[in-house]
């Protein structure tokens, strides 16, 4: 099955972006983990605000490291492609839905990302022209 070159370019660009973001988060936590202290101040629920301070900021290297590991897995999934493409894009949707818990201000970033990922996932799952749909045979 031939892939649309534009689809491949988008997948590779987004995968690369997530690898870069993982590196940035690692760099920030190594340079000054306190940078993350106020990230959840506008959280929609007390458990988000308190959990961030009590859990994440108690060991920011561990928790931001796990965040970066997740970003790396998303990036790798998209760079590898194939059967990992849709799970990679779905992970981005889950990540951005979780980000919404940190406050309405996140919609400025996550809203467009969620819209874009929804369109990309629909495109990825759409049957390709000129290919046989195994569900219809």
C-alpha atoms as a PDB file:
ATOM      1  CA  UNK A   1       0.000   0.000   0.000  1.00  0.00           C
ATOM      2  CA  UNK A   2       1.418   3.377  -0.985  1.00  0.00           C
ATOM      3  CA  UNK A   3       1.178   6.123   1.579  1.00  0.00           C
ATOM      4  CA  UNK A   4       0.362   9.707   0.773  1.00  0.00           C
ATOM      5  CA  UNK A   5       3.695  11.594   0.937  1.00  0.00           C
ATOM      6  CA  UNK A   6       1.974  14.446   2.790  1.00  0.00           C
ATOM      7  CA  UNK A   7       0.678  12.029   5.392  1.00  0.00           C
ATOM      8  CA  UNK A   8       4.184  10.628   5.885  1.00  0.00           C
ATOM      9  CA  UNK A   9       5.672  14.113   6.190  1.00  0.00           C
ATOM     10  CA  UNK A  10       3.084  15.119   8.809  1.00  0.00           C
ATOM     11  CA  UNK A  11       3.657  11.909  10.788  1.00  0.00           C
ATOM     12  CA  UNK A  12       7.443  12.357  10.746  1.00  0.00           C
ATOM     13  CA  UNK A  13       7.209  16.050  11.665  1.00  0.00           C
ATOM     14  CA  UNK A  14       4.915  15.369  14.615  1.00  0.00           C
ATOM     15  CA  UNK A  15       7.044  12.415  15.739  1.00  0.00           C
ATOM     16  CA  UNK A  16      10.157  14.572  15.605  1.00  0.00           C
ATOM     17  CA  UNK A  17       8.364  17.343  17.491  1.00  0.00           C
ATOM     18  CA  UNK A  18       7.559  14.957  20.359  1.00  0.00           C
ATOM     19  CA  UNK A  19      11.182  13.822  20.553  1.00  0.00           C
ATOM     20  CA  UNK A  20      12.314  17.447  20.718  1.00  0.00           C
ATOM     21  CA  UNK A  21       9.734  18.233  23.412  1.00  0.00           C
ATOM     22  CA  UNK A  22      10.983  15.274  25.465  1.00  0.00           C
ATOM     23  CA  UNK A  23      14.479  16.711  25.246  1.00  0.00           C
ATOM     24  CA  UNK A  24      13.259  20.162  26.241  1.00  0.00           C
ATOM     25  CA  UNK A  25      11.437  18.797  29.296  1.00  0.00           C
ATOM     26  CA  UNK A  26      14.530  16.846  30.332  1.00  0.00           C
ATOM     27  CA  UNK A  27      16.674  19.956  29.857  1.00  0.00           C
ATOM     28  CA  UNK A  28      14.324  22.118  31.921  1.00  0.00           C
ATOM     29  CA  UNK A  29      14.101  19.655  34.801  1.00  0.00           C
ATOM     30  CA  UNK A  30      17.880  19.236  34.862  1.00  0.00           C
ATOM     31  CA  UNK A  31      18.524  23.001  34.674  1.00  0.00           C
ATOM     32  CA  UNK A  32      15.867  24.092  37.183  1.00  0.00           C
ATOM     33  CA  UNK A  33      13.058  21.755  38.198  1.00  0.00           C
ATOM     34  CA  UNK A  34      11.376  24.630  40.068  1.00  0.00           C
ATOM     35  CA  UNK A  35      10.314  25.941  36.659  1.00  0.00           C
ATOM     36  CA  UNK A  36       7.463  23.399  36.849  1.00  0.00           C
ATOM     37  CA  UNK A  37       6.247  24.383  40.359  1.00  0.00           C
ATOM     38  CA  UNK A  38       3.367  26.608  39.232  1.00  0.00           C
ATOM     39  CA  UNK A  39       2.240  24.597  36.194  1.00  0.00           C
ATOM     40  CA  UNK A  40      -0.878  23.284  37.965  1.00  0.00           C
ATOM     41  CA  UNK A  41      -1.811  26.463  39.826  1.00  0.00           C
ATOM     42  CA  UNK A  42      -4.856  26.936  37.584  1.00  0.00           C
ATOM     43  CA  UNK A  43      -5.858  23.259  37.709  1.00  0.00           C
ATOM     44  CA  UNK A  44      -9.582  22.684  37.414  1.00  0.00           C
ATOM     45  CA  UNK A  45      -9.727  20.465  40.507  1.00  0.00           C
ATOM     46  CA  UNK A  46      -8.008  20.527  43.888  1.00  0.00           C
ATOM     47  CA  UNK A  47      -6.622  17.010  43.361  1.00  0.00           C
ATOM     48  CA  UNK A  48      -4.778  18.282  40.271  1.00  0.00           C
ATOM     49  CA  UNK A  49      -3.325  21.316  42.043  1.00  0.00           C
ATOM     50  CA  UNK A  50      -2.446  19.449  45.250  1.00  0.00           C
ATOM     51  CA  UNK A  51      -1.282  16.302  43.471  1.00  0.00           C
ATOM     52  CA  UNK A  52       1.079  18.320  41.318  1.00  0.00           C
ATOM     53  CA  UNK A  53       2.671  19.981  44.330  1.00  0.00           C
ATOM     54  CA  UNK A  54       2.636  16.946  46.640  1.00  0.00           C
ATOM     55  CA  UNK A  55       3.606  14.266  44.133  1.00  0.00           C
ATOM     56  CA  UNK A  56       5.223  15.730  41.024  1.00  0.00           C
ATOM     57  CA  UNK A  57       7.175  18.503  42.728  1.00  0.00           C
ATOM     58  CA  UNK A  58       8.324  16.125  45.481  1.00  0.00           C
ATOM     59  CA  UNK A  59      10.388  14.307  42.821  1.00  0.00           C
ATOM     60  CA  UNK A  60      10.229  16.368  39.620  1.00  0.00           C
ATOM     61  CA  UNK A  61      13.166  14.554  38.027  1.00  0.00           C
ATOM     62  CA  UNK A  62      11.269  11.263  38.235  1.00  0.00           C
ATOM     63  CA  UNK A  63       7.865  12.554  37.146  1.00  0.00           C
ATOM     64  CA  UNK A  64       9.029  14.906  34.414  1.00  0.00           C
ATOM     65  CA  UNK A  65      11.392  12.130  33.333  1.00  0.00           C
ATOM     66  CA  UNK A  66       8.370   9.834  32.958  1.00  0.00           C
ATOM     67  CA  UNK A  67       6.568  12.564  31.014  1.00  0.00           C
ATOM     68  CA  UNK A  68       9.580  12.846  28.714  1.00  0.00           C
ATOM     69  CA  UNK A  69       9.682   9.061  28.325  1.00  0.00           C
ATOM     70  CA  UNK A  70       6.039   9.150  27.228  1.00  0.00           C
ATOM     71  CA  UNK A  71       6.805  11.900  24.741  1.00  0.00           C
ATOM     72  CA  UNK A  72       9.723   9.842  23.422  1.00  0.00           C
ATOM     73  CA  UNK A  73       7.472   6.788  22.982  1.00  0.00           C
ATOM     74  CA  UNK A  74       4.959   8.885  21.058  1.00  0.00           C
ATOM     75  CA  UNK A  75       7.731  10.311  18.879  1.00  0.00           C
ATOM     76  CA  UNK A  76       9.255   6.890  18.220  1.00  0.00           C
ATOM     77  CA  UNK A  77       5.840   5.372  17.419  1.00  0.00           C
ATOM     78  CA  UNK A  78       5.207   8.050  14.818  1.00  0.00           C
ATOM     79  CA  UNK A  79       8.693   7.856  13.339  1.00  0.00           C
ATOM     80  CA  UNK A  80       8.441   4.062  13.044  1.00  0.00           C
ATOM     81  CA  UNK A  81       4.959   4.363  11.548  1.00  0.00           C
ATOM     82  CA  UNK A  82       3.060   1.361  10.250  1.00  0.00           C
ATOM     83  CA  UNK A  83       0.906  -0.228  12.906  1.00  0.00           C
ATOM     84  CA  UNK A  84       2.275   2.261  15.488  1.00  0.00           C
ATOM     85  CA  UNK A  85       0.909   5.320  13.683  1.00  0.00           C
ATOM     86  CA  UNK A  86      -2.658   5.342  14.998  1.00  0.00           C
ATOM     87  CA  UNK A  87      -1.660   4.411  18.587  1.00  0.00           C
ATOM     88  CA  UNK A  88       0.875   7.260  18.484  1.00  0.00           C
ATOM     89  CA  UNK A  89      -1.764   9.765  17.404  1.00  0.00           C
ATOM     90  CA  UNK A  90      -4.275   8.382  19.936  1.00  0.00           C
ATOM     91  CA  UNK A  91      -1.642   8.823  22.683  1.00  0.00           C
ATOM     92  CA  UNK A  92      -1.351  12.483  21.672  1.00  0.00           C
ATOM     93  CA  UNK A  93      -5.121  12.876  22.038  1.00  0.00           C
ATOM     94  CA  UNK A  94      -5.061  11.214  25.486  1.00  0.00           C
ATOM     95  CA  UNK A  95      -2.131  13.409  26.547  1.00  0.00           C
ATOM     96  CA  UNK A  96      -3.900  16.606  25.509  1.00  0.00           C
ATOM     97  CA  UNK A  97      -7.192  15.576  27.096  1.00  0.00           C
ATOM     98  CA  UNK A  98      -5.289  15.029  30.363  1.00  0.00           C
ATOM     99  CA  UNK A  99      -3.627  18.445  29.952  1.00  0.00           C
ATOM    100  CA  UNK A 100      -7.079  20.058  30.050  1.00  0.00           C
ATOM    101  CA  UNK A 101      -7.214  19.218  33.764  1.00  0.00           C
ATOM    102  CA  UNK A 102      -4.554  21.882  34.321  1.00  0.00           C
ATOM    103  CA  UNK A 103      -6.855  24.757  33.432  1.00  0.00           C
ATOM    104  CA  UNK A 104      -8.832  26.365  30.655  1.00  0.00           C
ATOM    105  CA  UNK A 105      -5.735  28.240  29.474  1.00  0.00           C
ATOM    106  CA  UNK A 106      -4.468  24.930  28.077  1.00  0.00           C
ATOM    107  CA  UNK A 107      -7.220  25.090  25.434  1.00  0.00           C
ATOM    108  CA  UNK A 108      -5.109  27.660  23.588  1.00  0.00           C
ATOM    109  CA  UNK A 109      -2.604  24.863  22.863  1.00  0.00           C
ATOM    110  CA  UNK A 110      -4.603  21.648  23.279  1.00  0.00           C
ATOM    111  CA  UNK A 111      -7.730  22.737  21.398  1.00  0.00           C
ATOM    112  CA  UNK A 112      -6.021  23.061  18.008  1.00  0.00           C
ATOM    113  CA  UNK A 113      -3.910  19.954  18.682  1.00  0.00           C
ATOM    114  CA  UNK A 114      -7.004  17.883  19.495  1.00  0.00           C
ATOM    115  CA  UNK A 115      -8.743  19.104  16.342  1.00  0.00           C
ATOM    116  CA  UNK A 116      -5.683  18.357  14.201  1.00  0.00           C
ATOM    117  CA  UNK A 117      -5.195  14.883  15.733  1.00  0.00           C
ATOM    118  CA  UNK A 118      -8.862  14.040  15.210  1.00  0.00           C
ATOM    119  CA  UNK A 119      -8.558  14.944  11.528  1.00  0.00           C
ATOM    120  CA  UNK A 120      -5.295  13.004  11.163  1.00  0.00           C
ATOM    121  CA  UNK A 121      -6.675   9.892  12.894  1.00  0.00           C
ATOM    122  CA  UNK A 122      -9.792   9.977  10.688  1.00  0.00           C
ATOM    123  CA  UNK A 123      -7.537  10.200   7.644  1.00  0.00           C
ATOM    124  CA  UNK A 124      -5.325   7.357   8.873  1.00  0.00           C
ATOM    125  CA  UNK A 125      -8.332   5.101   9.493  1.00  0.00           C
ATOM    126  CA  UNK A 126     -10.098   5.932   6.217  1.00  0.00           C
ATOM    127  CA  UNK A 127      -9.938   3.211   3.572  1.00  0.00           C
ATOM    128  CA  UNK A 128      -7.391   3.980   0.869  1.00  0.00           C
ATOM    129  CA  UNK A 129      -8.516   4.341  -2.739  1.00  0.00           C
ATOM    130  CA  UNK A 130      -7.270   1.515  -4.878  1.00  0.00           C
ATOM    131  CA  UNK A 131      -6.782  -0.862  -1.943  1.00  0.00           C
ATOM    132  CA  UNK A 132      -8.949  -3.748  -0.935  1.00  0.00           C
ATOM    133  CA  UNK A 133     -10.775  -3.224   2.347  1.00  0.00           C
ATOM    134  CA  UNK A 134     -10.349  -6.513   4.292  1.00  0.00           C
ATOM    135  CA  UNK A 135     -13.537  -5.788   6.246  1.00  0.00           C
ATOM    136  CA  UNK A 136     -15.587  -5.952   3.042  1.00  0.00           C
ATOM    137  CA  UNK A 137     -14.314  -9.272   1.707  1.00  0.00           C
END
